[in-house]
Amino acid sequence: MKRQLSWWRLLVGLLLVYLNGKFLLYPQTRTLQPSNAGEATGMLVTDVALIAVGVWLLASCYRIPRAAGPK
C-alpha cells in the first residue's frame, strides 16, 4: 500500500506551529501587545491551542489507505 500525503495539512500545520511557537518564545515580535493580565492569559491560551492544532495536523497529514476487505 502506498501512503498518501495531505499537503494542505502539512503546510497549515507547519505554519501554525512555527508562527505561534515564535510568538510564544519571542513575544516582542508580536505586533499586538496585551494591556492587562486577562489579555495576556487569553493570548497565551490561544497560542498553546493553535500549536496543539498544528501538531494534530502534522500528525494526521499521512493517510494510509485502507485495505480492501475479503471478496
Foldseek 3Di string as FASTA:
>chain_A
DDKDFQVVLLVQLVVLQVVLVCCVVPVVVDPDDDPDPVVVVVSVVVSVVSNVSSVVSNVPRIDDDDDDDDD
